[in-house]
PDB file of N, CA and C in Angstrom:
ATOM      1  N   MET A   1     125.528  87.357  65.212  1.00  0.00           N
ATOM      2  CA  MET A   1     125.116  87.722  66.549  1.00  0.00           C
ATOM      3  C   MET A   1     124.967  89.235  66.682  1.00  0.00           C
ATOM      4  N   LYS A   2     125.857  89.988  66.015  1.00  0.00           N
ATOM      5  CA  LYS A   2     125.782  91.443  66.093  1.00  0.00           C
ATOM      6  C   LYS A   2     124.517  91.964  65.430  1.00  0.00           C
ATOM      7  N   THR A   3     124.146  91.366  64.309  1.00  0.00           N
ATOM      8  CA  THR A   3     122.947  91.852  63.626  1.00  0.00           C
ATOM      9  C   THR A   3     121.696  91.572  64.447  1.00  0.00           C
ATOM     10  N   LEU A   4     121.691  90.472  65.176  1.00  0.00           N
ATOM     11  CA  LEU A   4     120.552  90.165  66.043  1.00  0.00           C
ATOM     12  C   LEU A   4     120.408  91.224  67.125  1.00  0.00           C
ATOM     13  N   LYS A   5     121.523  91.608  67.745  1.00  0.00           N
ATOM     14  CA  LYS A   5     121.489  92.648  68.761  1.00  0.00           C
ATOM     15  C   LYS A   5     121.020  93.980  68.179  1.00  0.00           C
ATOM     16  N   ILE A   6     121.480  94.296  66.993  1.00  0.00           N
ATOM     17  CA  ILE A   6     121.073  95.553  66.344  1.00  0.00           C
ATOM     18  C   ILE A   6     119.580  95.535  66.062  1.00  0.00           C
ATOM     19  N   TRP A   7     119.060  94.415  65.589  1.00  0.00           N
ATOM     20  CA  TRP A   7     117.629  94.317  65.325  1.00  0.00           C
ATOM     21  C   TRP A   7     116.805  94.425  66.610  1.00  0.00           C
ATOM     22  N   ILE A   8     117.279  93.807  67.670  1.00  0.00           N
ATOM     23  CA  ILE A   8     116.562  93.869  68.947  1.00  0.00           C
ATOM     24  C   ILE A   8     116.543  95.299  69.477  1.00  0.00           C
ATOM     25  N   VAL A   9     117.691  95.956  69.447  1.00  0.00           N
ATOM     26  CA  VAL A   9     117.761  97.337  69.930  1.00  0.00           C
ATOM     27  C   VAL A   9     116.878  98.247  69.071  1.00  0.00           C
ATOM     28  N   THR A  10     116.902  98.053  67.765  1.00  0.00           N
ATOM     29  CA  THR A  10     116.058  98.853  66.871  1.00  0.00           C
ATOM     30  C   THR A  10     114.580  98.619  67.156  1.00  0.00           C
ATOM     31  N   ALA A  11     114.195  97.377  67.347  1.00  0.00           N
ATOM     32  CA  ALA A  11     112.798  97.063  67.641  1.00  0.00           C
ATOM     33  C   ALA A  11     112.357  97.683  68.964  1.00  0.00           C
ATOM     34  N   VAL A  12     113.212  97.602  69.961  1.00  0.00           N
ATOM     35  CA  VAL A  12     112.874  98.172  71.264  1.00  0.00           C
ATOM     36  C   VAL A  12     112.747  99.689  71.173  1.00  0.00           C
ATOM     37  N   LEU A  13     113.656 100.320  70.462  1.00  0.00           N
ATOM     38  CA  LEU A  13     113.584 101.772  70.306  1.00  0.00           C
ATOM     39  C   LEU A  13     112.318 102.195  69.564  1.00  0.00           C
ATOM     40  N   LEU A  14     111.968 101.465  68.528  1.00  0.00           N
ATOM     41  CA  LEU A  14     110.753 101.797  67.788  1.00  0.00           C
ATOM     42  C   LEU A  14     109.504 101.579  68.622  1.00  0.00           C
ATOM     43  N   LEU A  15     109.475 100.498  69.386  1.00  0.00           N
ATOM     44  CA  LEU A  15     108.311 100.230  70.225  1.00  0.00           C
ATOM     45  C   LEU A  15     108.206 101.205  71.397  1.00  0.00           C
ATOM     46  N   SER A  16     109.334 101.656  71.906  1.00  0.00           N
ATOM     47  CA  SER A  16     109.284 102.592  73.033  1.00  0.00           C
ATOM     48  C   SER A  16     108.868 103.981  72.586  1.00  0.00           C
ATOM     49  N   CYS A  17     109.030 104.281  71.310  1.00  0.00           N
ATOM     50  CA  CYS A  17     108.643 105.595  70.799  1.00  0.00           C
ATOM     51  C   CYS A  17     107.206 105.633  70.306  1.00  0.00           C
ATOM     52  N   ALA A  18     106.529 104.510  70.291  1.00  0.00           N
ATOM     53  CA  ALA A  18     105.145 104.476  69.833  1.00  0.00           C
ATOM     54  C   ALA A  18     104.265 105.240  70.807  1.00  0.00           C
ATOM     55  N   SER A  19     103.407 106.085  70.270  1.00  0.00           N
ATOM     56  CA  SER A  19     102.558 106.889  71.149  1.00  0.00           C
ATOM     57  C   SER A  19     101.232 106.183  71.377  1.00  0.00           C
ATOM     58  N   THR A  20     100.796 106.222  72.604  1.00  0.00           N
ATOM     59  CA  THR A  20      99.499 105.678  72.970  1.00  0.00           C
ATOM     60  C   THR A  20      98.781 106.705  73.814  1.00  0.00           C
ATOM     61  N   GLU A  21      97.469 106.652  73.769  1.00  0.00           N
ATOM     62  CA  GLU A  21      96.683 107.606  74.518  1.00  0.00           C
ATOM     63  C   GLU A  21      96.120 106.918  75.750  1.00  0.00           C
ATOM     64  N   LEU A  22      96.481 107.411  76.907  1.00  0.00           N
ATOM     65  CA  LEU A  22      95.992 106.866  78.153  1.00  0.00           C
ATOM     66  C   LEU A  22      95.224 107.961  78.881  1.00  0.00           C
ATOM     67  N   ARG A  23      94.046 107.625  79.336  1.00  0.00           N
ATOM     68  CA  ARG A  23      93.251 108.602  80.066  1.00  0.00           C
ATOM     69  C   ARG A  23      92.896 108.015  81.418  1.00  0.00           C
ATOM     70  N   ALA A  24      93.515 108.516  82.425  1.00  0.00           N
ATOM     71  CA  ALA A  24      93.247 108.035  83.773  1.00  0.00           C
ATOM     72  C   ALA A  24      91.952 108.649  84.271  1.00  0.00           C
ATOM     73  N   GLY A  25      91.057 107.815  84.742  1.00  0.00           N
ATOM     74  CA  GLY A  25      89.811 108.304  85.311  1.00  0.00           C
ATOM     75  C   GLY A  25      88.829 108.815  84.280  1.00  0.00           C
ATOM     76  N   SER A  26      88.951 108.407  83.020  1.00  0.00           N
ATOM     77  CA  SER A  26      88.052 108.913  81.999  1.00  0.00           C
ATOM     78  C   SER A  26      86.722 108.173  81.981  1.00  0.00           C
ATOM     79  N   GLU A  27      86.688 106.977  82.537  1.00  0.00           N
ATOM     80  CA  GLU A  27      85.452 106.221  82.559  1.00  0.00           C
ATOM     81  C   GLU A  27      84.541 106.739  83.655  1.00  0.00           C
ATOM     82  N   LYS A  28      83.253 106.593  83.426  1.00  0.00           N
ATOM     83  CA  LYS A  28      82.297 107.053  84.422  1.00  0.00           C
ATOM     84  C   LYS A  28      82.418 106.194  85.679  1.00  0.00           C
ATOM     85  N   GLY A  29      82.430 106.852  86.813  1.00  0.00           N
ATOM     86  CA  GLY A  29      82.534 106.133  88.071  1.00  0.00           C
ATOM     87  C   GLY A  29      83.962 105.825  88.479  1.00  0.00           C
ATOM     88  N   ALA A  30      84.931 106.236  87.677  1.00  0.00           N
ATOM     89  CA  ALA A  30      86.326 105.989  88.028  1.00  0.00           C
ATOM     90  C   ALA A  30      86.729 106.946  89.139  1.00  0.00           C
ATOM     91  N   THR A  31      87.435 106.452  90.110  1.00  0.00           N
ATOM     92  CA  THR A  31      87.873 107.285  91.215  1.00  0.00           C
ATOM     93  C   THR A  31      89.377 107.365  91.231  1.00  0.00           C
ATOM     94  N   ARG A  32      89.860 108.396  91.854  1.00  0.00           N
ATOM     95  CA  ARG A  32      91.292 108.604  91.961  1.00  0.00           C
ATOM     96  C   ARG A  32      91.781 107.919  93.225  1.00  0.00           C
ATOM     97  N   LYS A  33      92.784 107.074  93.089  1.00  0.00           N
ATOM     98  CA  LYS A  33      93.343 106.385  94.241  1.00  0.00           C
ATOM     99  C   LYS A  33      94.514 107.201  94.769  1.00  0.00           C
ATOM    100  N   VAL A  34      94.540 107.368  96.060  1.00  0.00           N
ATOM    101  CA  VAL A  34      95.591 108.154  96.682  1.00  0.00           C
ATOM    102  C   VAL A  34      96.358 107.270  97.654  1.00  0.00           C
ATOM    103  N   THR A  35      97.656 107.231  97.487  1.00  0.00           N
ATOM    104  CA  THR A  35      98.497 106.511  98.434  1.00  0.00           C
ATOM    105  C   THR A  35      99.302 107.540  99.194  1.00  0.00           C
ATOM    106  N   THR A  36      99.159 107.539 100.491  1.00  0.00           N
ATOM    107  CA  THR A  36      99.841 108.521 101.312  1.00  0.00           C
ATOM    108  C   THR A  36     100.611 107.820 102.408  1.00  0.00           C
ATOM    109  N   GLU A  37     101.512 108.558 103.021  1.00  0.00           N
ATOM    110  CA  GLU A  37     102.355 107.962 104.048  1.00  0.00           C
ATOM    111  C   GLU A  37     101.908 108.329 105.449  1.00  0.00           C
ATOM    112  N   THR A  38     101.370 109.519 105.644  1.00  0.00           N
ATOM    113  CA  THR A  38     101.019 109.955 106.984  1.00  0.00           C
ATOM    114  C   THR A  38      99.505 110.002 107.143  1.00  0.00           C
ATOM    115  N   PRO A  39      99.018 109.824 108.357  1.00  0.00           N
ATOM    116  CA  PRO A  39      97.566 109.880 108.582  1.00  0.00           C
ATOM    117  C   PRO A  39      96.981 111.263 108.308  1.00  0.00           C
ATOM    118  N   GLU A  40      97.771 112.319 108.557  1.00  0.00           N
ATOM    119  CA  GLU A  40      97.275 113.670 108.307  1.00  0.00           C
ATOM    120  C   GLU A  40      97.042 113.895 106.816  1.00  0.00           C
ATOM    121  N   SER A  41      98.000 113.462 106.000  1.00  0.00           N
ATOM    122  CA  SER A  41      97.843 113.654 104.564  1.00  0.00           C
ATOM    123  C   SER A  41      96.745 112.739 104.009  1.00  0.00           C
ATOM    124  N   ALA A  42      96.556 111.577 104.622  1.00  0.00           N
ATOM    125  CA  ALA A  42      95.478 110.690 104.188  1.00  0.00           C
ATOM    126  C   ALA A  42      94.121 111.313 104.489  1.00  0.00           C
ATOM    127  N   ALA A  43      94.008 111.941 105.651  1.00  0.00           N
ATOM    128  CA  ALA A  43      92.751 112.602 106.006  1.00  0.00           C
ATOM    129  C   ALA A  43      92.490 113.780 105.085  1.00  0.00           C
ATOM    130  N   ARG A  44      93.537 114.555 104.789  1.00  0.00           N
ATOM    131  CA  ARG A  44      93.389 115.707 103.890  1.00  0.00           C
ATOM    132  C   ARG A  44      92.995 115.231 102.487  1.00  0.00           C
ATOM    133  N   ALA A  45      93.590 114.154 102.024  1.00  0.00           N
ATOM    134  CA  ALA A  45      93.266 113.618 100.696  1.00  0.00           C
ATOM    135  C   ALA A  45      91.816 113.157 100.646  1.00  0.00           C
ATOM    136  N   LYS A  46      91.333 112.531 101.723  1.00  0.00           N
ATOM    137  CA  LYS A  46      89.946 112.070 101.765  1.00  0.00           C
ATOM    138  C   LYS A  46      88.983 113.256 101.721  1.00  0.00           C
ATOM    139  N   ILE A  47      89.319 114.329 102.436  1.00  0.00           N
ATOM    140  CA  ILE A  47      88.494 115.537 102.420  1.00  0.00           C
ATOM    141  C   ILE A  47      88.442 116.124 101.011  1.00  0.00           C
ATOM    142  N   LEU A  48      89.603 116.196 100.363  1.00  0.00           N
ATOM    143  CA  LEU A  48      89.648 116.746  99.003  1.00  0.00           C
ATOM    144  C   LEU A  48      88.853 115.884  98.024  1.00  0.00           C
ATOM    145  N   LEU A  49      88.976 114.562  98.138  1.00  0.00           N
ATOM    146  CA  LEU A  49      88.230 113.670  97.247  1.00  0.00           C
ATOM    147  C   LEU A  49      86.726 113.802  97.463  1.00  0.00           C
ATOM    148  N   ASN A  50      86.314 113.922  98.715  1.00  0.00           N
ATOM    149  CA  ASN A  50      84.885 114.106  98.998  1.00  0.00           C
ATOM    150  C   ASN A  50      84.377 115.414  98.408  1.00  0.00           C
ATOM    151  N   ARG A  51      85.172 116.476  98.520  1.00  0.00           N
ATOM    152  CA  ARG A  51      84.769 117.772  97.962  1.00  0.00           C
ATOM    153  C   ARG A  51      84.677 117.696  96.437  1.00  0.00           C
ATOM    154  N   LEU A  52      85.612 117.002  95.813  1.00  0.00           N
ATOM    155  CA  LEU A  52      85.555 116.853  94.354  1.00  0.00           C
ATOM    156  C   LEU A  52      84.311 116.079  93.923  1.00  0.00           C
ATOM    157  N   GLU A  53      83.938 115.069  94.685  1.00  0.00           N
ATOM    158  CA  GLU A  53      82.711 114.316  94.373  1.00  0.00           C
ATOM    159  C   GLU A  53      81.477 115.198  94.548  1.00  0.00           C
ATOM    160  N   GLU A  54      81.469 116.054  95.571  1.00  0.00           N
ATOM    161  CA  GLU A  54      80.357 116.982  95.770  1.00  0.00           C
ATOM    162  C   GLU A  54      80.238 117.940  94.593  1.00  0.00           C
ATOM    163  N   ILE A  55      81.360 118.459  94.147  1.00  0.00           N
ATOM    164  CA  ILE A  55      81.353 119.391  93.014  1.00  0.00           C
ATOM    165  C   ILE A  55      80.867 118.685  91.754  1.00  0.00           C
ATOM    166  N   LYS A  56      81.274 117.434  91.578  1.00  0.00           N
ATOM    167  CA  LYS A  56      80.853 116.680  90.397  1.00  0.00           C
ATOM    168  C   LYS A  56      79.341 116.444  90.411  1.00  0.00           C
ATOM    169  N   ALA A  57      78.773 116.267  91.600  1.00  0.00           N
ATOM    170  CA  ALA A  57      77.348 115.976  91.726  1.00  0.00           C
ATOM    171  C   ALA A  57      76.478 117.229  91.669  1.00  0.00           C
ATOM    172  N   LEU A  58      77.083 118.418  91.724  1.00  0.00           N
ATOM    173  CA  LEU A  58      76.305 119.665  91.710  1.00  0.00           C
ATOM    174  C   LEU A  58      75.582 119.858  90.375  1.00  0.00           C
ATOM    175  N   ASP A  59      74.433 120.542  90.441  1.00  0.00           N
ATOM    176  CA  ASP A  59      73.725 120.937  89.230  1.00  0.00           C
ATOM    177  C   ASP A  59      74.287 122.284  88.790  1.00  0.00           C
ATOM    178  N   LYS A  60      75.162 122.259  87.808  1.00  0.00           N
ATOM    179  CA  LYS A  60      75.886 123.460  87.410  1.00  0.00           C
ATOM    180  C   LYS A  60      75.097 124.356  86.462  1.00  0.00           C
ATOM    181  N   SER A  61      73.942 123.895  86.007  1.00  0.00           N
ATOM    182  CA  SER A  61      73.164 124.695  85.062  1.00  0.00           C
ATOM    183  C   SER A  61      72.556 125.927  85.719  1.00  0.00           C
ATOM    184  N   LYS A  62      72.375 125.899  87.034  1.00  0.00           N
ATOM    185  CA  LYS A  62      71.758 127.027  87.729  1.00  0.00           C
ATOM    186  C   LYS A  62      72.776 128.002  88.303  1.00  0.00           C
ATOM    187  N   LEU A  63      74.049 127.732  88.128  1.00  0.00           N
ATOM    188  CA  LEU A  63      75.091 128.590  88.675  1.00  0.00           C
ATOM    189  C   LEU A  63      75.415 129.729  87.713  1.00  0.00           C
ATOM    190  N   THR A  64      75.868 130.840  88.273  1.00  0.00           N
ATOM    191  CA  THR A  64      76.314 131.961  87.437  1.00  0.00           C
ATOM    192  C   THR A  64      77.712 131.652  86.921  1.00  0.00           C
ATOM    193  N   SER A  65      78.144 132.454  85.969  1.00  0.00           N
ATOM    194  CA  SER A  65      79.473 132.207  85.393  1.00  0.00           C
ATOM    195  C   SER A  65      80.569 132.438  86.422  1.00  0.00           C
ATOM    196  N   ALA A  66      80.387 133.382  87.328  1.00  0.00           N
ATOM    197  CA  ALA A  66      81.393 133.629  88.365  1.00  0.00           C
ATOM    198  C   ALA A  66      81.490 132.434  89.311  1.00  0.00           C
ATOM    199  N   GLU A  67      80.352 131.840  89.654  1.00  0.00           N
ATOM    200  CA  GLU A  67      80.364 130.672  90.535  1.00  0.00           C
ATOM    201  C   GLU A  67      81.005 129.471  89.843  1.00  0.00           C
ATOM    202  N   LYS A  68      80.723 129.307  88.540  1.00  0.00           N
ATOM    203  CA  LYS A  68      81.339 128.220  87.790  1.00  0.00           C
ATOM    204  C   LYS A  68      82.855 128.387  87.733  1.00  0.00           C
ATOM    205  N   LYS A  69      83.300 129.633  87.538  1.00  0.00           N
ATOM    206  CA  LYS A  69      84.732 129.897  87.485  1.00  0.00           C
ATOM    207  C   LYS A  69      85.381 129.589  88.826  1.00  0.00           C
ATOM    208  N   GLN A  70      84.701 129.956  89.913  1.00  0.00           N
ATOM    209  CA  GLN A  70      85.217 129.675  91.241  1.00  0.00           C
ATOM    210  C   GLN A  70      85.321 128.169  91.482  1.00  0.00           C
ATOM    211  N   LEU A  71      84.307 127.413  91.021  1.00  0.00           N
ATOM    212  CA  LEU A  71      84.357 125.953  91.163  1.00  0.00           C
ATOM    213  C   LEU A  71      85.503 125.352  90.352  1.00  0.00           C
ATOM    214  N   ARG A  72      85.712 125.854  89.131  1.00  0.00           N
ATOM    215  CA  ARG A  72      86.812 125.357  88.302  1.00  0.00           C
ATOM    216  C   ARG A  72      88.157 125.586  88.987  1.00  0.00           C
ATOM    217  N   ASN A  73      88.312 126.790  89.554  1.00  0.00           N
ATOM    218  CA  ASN A  73      89.562 127.087  90.247  1.00  0.00           C
ATOM    219  C   ASN A  73      89.740 126.190  91.465  1.00  0.00           C
ATOM    220  N   GLU A  74      88.658 125.918  92.167  1.00  0.00           N
ATOM    221  CA  GLU A  74      88.727 125.041  93.330  1.00  0.00           C
ATOM    222  C   GLU A  74      89.101 123.616  92.920  1.00  0.00           C
ATOM    223  N   VAL A  75      88.525 123.148  91.822  1.00  0.00           N
ATOM    224  CA  VAL A  75      88.835 121.801  91.334  1.00  0.00           C
ATOM    225  C   VAL A  75      90.301 121.717  90.918  1.00  0.00           C
ATOM    226  N   LYS A  76      90.784 122.730  90.210  1.00  0.00           N
ATOM    227  CA  LYS A  76      92.186 122.725  89.790  1.00  0.00           C
ATOM    228  C   LYS A  76      93.130 122.694  90.980  1.00  0.00           C
ATOM    229  N   SER A  77      92.851 123.537  91.970  1.00  0.00           N
ATOM    230  CA  SER A  77      93.742 123.580  93.133  1.00  0.00           C
ATOM    231  C   SER A  77      93.656 122.277  93.941  1.00  0.00           C
ATOM    232  N   SER A  78      92.467 121.685  94.022  1.00  0.00           N
ATOM    233  CA  SER A  78      92.321 120.423  94.749  1.00  0.00           C
ATOM    234  C   SER A  78      93.076 119.302  94.050  1.00  0.00           C
ATOM    235  N   LYS A  79      92.977 119.231  92.737  1.00  0.00           N
ATOM    236  CA  LYS A  79      93.693 118.187  91.996  1.00  0.00           C
ATOM    237  C   LYS A  79      95.200 118.373  92.106  1.00  0.00           C
ATOM    238  N   LYS A  80      95.635 119.636  92.077  1.00  0.00           N
ATOM    239  CA  LYS A  80      97.066 119.902  92.211  1.00  0.00           C
ATOM    240  C   LYS A  80      97.554 119.463  93.583  1.00  0.00           C
ATOM    241  N   GLU A  81      96.785 119.763  94.623  1.00  0.00           N
ATOM    242  CA  GLU A  81      97.169 119.361  95.973  1.00  0.00           C
ATOM    243  C   GLU A  81      97.156 117.843  96.125  1.00  0.00           C
ATOM    244  N   LEU A  82      96.186 117.164  95.477  1.00  0.00           N
ATOM    245  CA  LEU A  82      96.148 115.700  95.526  1.00  0.00           C
ATOM    246  C   LEU A  82      97.370 115.103  94.844  1.00  0.00           C
ATOM    247  N   ASP A  83      97.775 115.703  93.731  1.00  0.00           N
ATOM    248  CA  ASP A  83      98.972 115.206  93.052  1.00  0.00           C
ATOM    249  C   ASP A  83     100.205 115.365  93.930  1.00  0.00           C
ATOM    250  N   GLU A  84     100.280 116.483  94.660  1.00  0.00           N
ATOM    251  CA  GLU A  84     101.418 116.694  95.552  1.00  0.00           C
ATOM    252  C   GLU A  84     101.386 115.707  96.717  1.00  0.00           C
ATOM    253  N   LEU A  85     100.203 115.397  97.223  1.00  0.00           N
ATOM    254  CA  LEU A  85     100.087 114.444  98.326  1.00  0.00           C
ATOM    255  C   LEU A  85     100.441 113.034  97.879  1.00  0.00           C
ATOM    256  N   GLY A  86     100.024 112.675  96.646  1.00  0.00           N
ATOM    257  CA  GLY A  86     100.258 111.323  96.141  1.00  0.00           C
ATOM    258  C   GLY A  86     101.718 111.062  95.869  1.00  0.00           C
ATOM    259  N   GLY A  87     102.375 112.004  95.212  1.00  0.00           N
ATOM    260  CA  GLY A  87     103.796 111.848  94.908  1.00  0.00           C
ATOM    261  C   GLY A  87     104.048 110.625  94.056  1.00  0.00           C
ATOM    262  N   GLY A  88     105.282 110.157  94.054  1.00  0.00           N
ATOM    263  CA  GLY A  88     105.613 108.940  93.341  1.00  0.00           C
ATOM    264  C   GLY A  88     106.472 109.192  92.119  1.00  0.00           C
ATOM    265  N   VAL A  89     107.016 108.115  91.589  1.00  0.00           N
ATOM    266  CA  VAL A  89     107.834 108.161  90.395  1.00  0.00           C
ATOM    267  C   VAL A  89     107.154 107.319  89.335  1.00  0.00           C
ATOM    268  N   TYR A  90     107.007 107.877  88.152  1.00  0.00           N
ATOM    269  CA  TYR A  90     106.339 107.186  87.063  1.00  0.00           C
ATOM    270  C   TYR A  90     107.335 106.899  85.955  1.00  0.00           C
ATOM    271  N   ILE A  91     107.387 105.628  85.527  1.00  0.00           N
ATOM    272  CA  ILE A  91     108.273 105.204  84.447  1.00  0.00           C
ATOM    273  C   ILE A  91     107.405 104.510  83.397  1.00  0.00           C
ATOM    274  N   SER A  92     107.588 104.886  82.149  1.00  0.00           N
ATOM    275  CA  SER A  92     106.794 104.282  81.082  1.00  0.00           C
ATOM    276  C   SER A  92     107.263 102.857  80.812  1.00  0.00           C
ATOM    277  N   VAL A  93     106.394 102.092  80.183  1.00  0.00           N
ATOM    278  CA  VAL A  93     106.715 100.700  79.866  1.00  0.00           C
ATOM    279  C   VAL A  93     107.859 100.648  78.864  1.00  0.00           C
ATOM    280  N   GLY A  94     107.855 101.555  77.915  1.00  0.00           N
ATOM    281  CA  GLY A  94     108.933 101.596  76.927  1.00  0.00           C
ATOM    282  C   GLY A  94     110.281 101.843  77.564  1.00  0.00           C
ATOM    283  N   ALA A  95     110.313 102.715  78.570  1.00  0.00           N
ATOM    284  CA  ALA A  95     111.571 102.999  79.258  1.00  0.00           C
ATOM    285  C   ALA A  95     112.061 101.777  80.025  1.00  0.00           C
ATOM    286  N   ILE A  96     111.142 101.051  80.638  1.00  0.00           N
ATOM    287  CA  ILE A  96     111.523  99.845  81.378  1.00  0.00           C
ATOM    288  C   ILE A  96     112.093  98.796  80.430  1.00  0.00           C
ATOM    289  N   ILE A  97     111.434  98.611  79.281  1.00  0.00           N
ATOM    290  CA  ILE A  97     111.927  97.642  78.295  1.00  0.00           C
ATOM    291  C   ILE A  97     113.308  98.048  77.795  1.00  0.00           C
ATOM    292  N   LEU A  98     113.486  99.334  77.519  1.00  0.00           N
ATOM    293  CA  LEU A  98     114.774  99.821  77.033  1.00  0.00           C
ATOM    294  C   LEU A  98     115.867  99.595  78.072  1.00  0.00           C
ATOM    295  N   ILE A  99     115.570  99.870  79.322  1.00  0.00           N
ATOM    296  CA  ILE A  99     116.543  99.659  80.390  1.00  0.00           C
ATOM    297  C   ILE A  99     116.914  98.184  80.502  1.00  0.00           C
ATOM    298  N   LEU A 100     115.905  97.306  80.435  1.00  0.00           N
ATOM    299  CA  LEU A 100     116.187  95.866  80.515  1.00  0.00           C
ATOM    300  C   LEU A 100     117.036  95.391  79.357  1.00  0.00           C
ATOM    301  N   VAL A 101     116.737  95.838  78.158  1.00  0.00           N
ATOM    302  CA  VAL A 101     117.523  95.413  76.989  1.00  0.00           C
ATOM    303  C   VAL A 101     118.952  95.913  77.091  1.00  0.00           C
ATOM    304  N   LEU A 102     119.114  97.165  77.517  1.00  0.00           N
ATOM    305  CA  LEU A 102     120.474  97.693  77.658  1.00  0.00           C
ATOM    306  C   LEU A 102     121.236  96.931  78.737  1.00  0.00           C
ATOM    307  N   LEU A 103     120.575  96.563  79.817  1.00  0.00           N
ATOM    308  CA  LEU A 103     121.254  95.771  80.848  1.00  0.00           C
ATOM    309  C   LEU A 103     121.660  94.401  80.318  1.00  0.00           C
ATOM    310  N   ILE A 104     120.785  93.779  79.533  1.00  0.00           N
ATOM    311  CA  ILE A 104     121.120  92.474  78.950  1.00  0.00           C
ATOM    312  C   ILE A 104     122.299  92.588  78.000  1.00  0.00           C
ATOM    313  N   ILE A 105     122.305  93.636  77.188  1.00  0.00           N
ATOM    314  CA  ILE A 105     123.381  93.792  76.211  1.00  0.00           C
ATOM    315  C   ILE A 105     124.715  94.066  76.893  1.00  0.00           C
ATOM    316  N   PHE A 106     124.714  94.953  77.874  1.00  0.00           N
ATOM    317  CA  PHE A 106     125.988  95.359  78.472  1.00  0.00           C
ATOM    318  C   PHE A 106     126.477  94.443  79.582  1.00  0.00           C
ATOM    319  N   LEU A 107     125.618  93.618  80.125  1.00  0.00           N
ATOM    320  CA  LEU A 107     126.073  92.711  81.182  1.00  0.00           C
ATOM    321  C   LEU A 107     126.238  91.358  80.627  1.00  0.00           C
TER     322      LEU A 107
END
């Protein structure tokens, strides 16, 4: 019985350490979903998302380098503000599996 537990824990640890590449919003047409609690922050998030879509639709080939830099800075600050508005706690699948196995073993 002890060796079975050791094998299970070893398998879970190895699987939780496996690296995978996840790209959120990398597909064309993918949009960022925002979950907010207050109507003010929801309205602000909608404004920011609309502005990001406008910037994405712009023809950037005719812009000067200073204008492109300004747009990049605007996009960065908008994404940062959206992340702050969205909030939340993120737990990886490996961590959840590890927590469940440890709970099973110790309880």
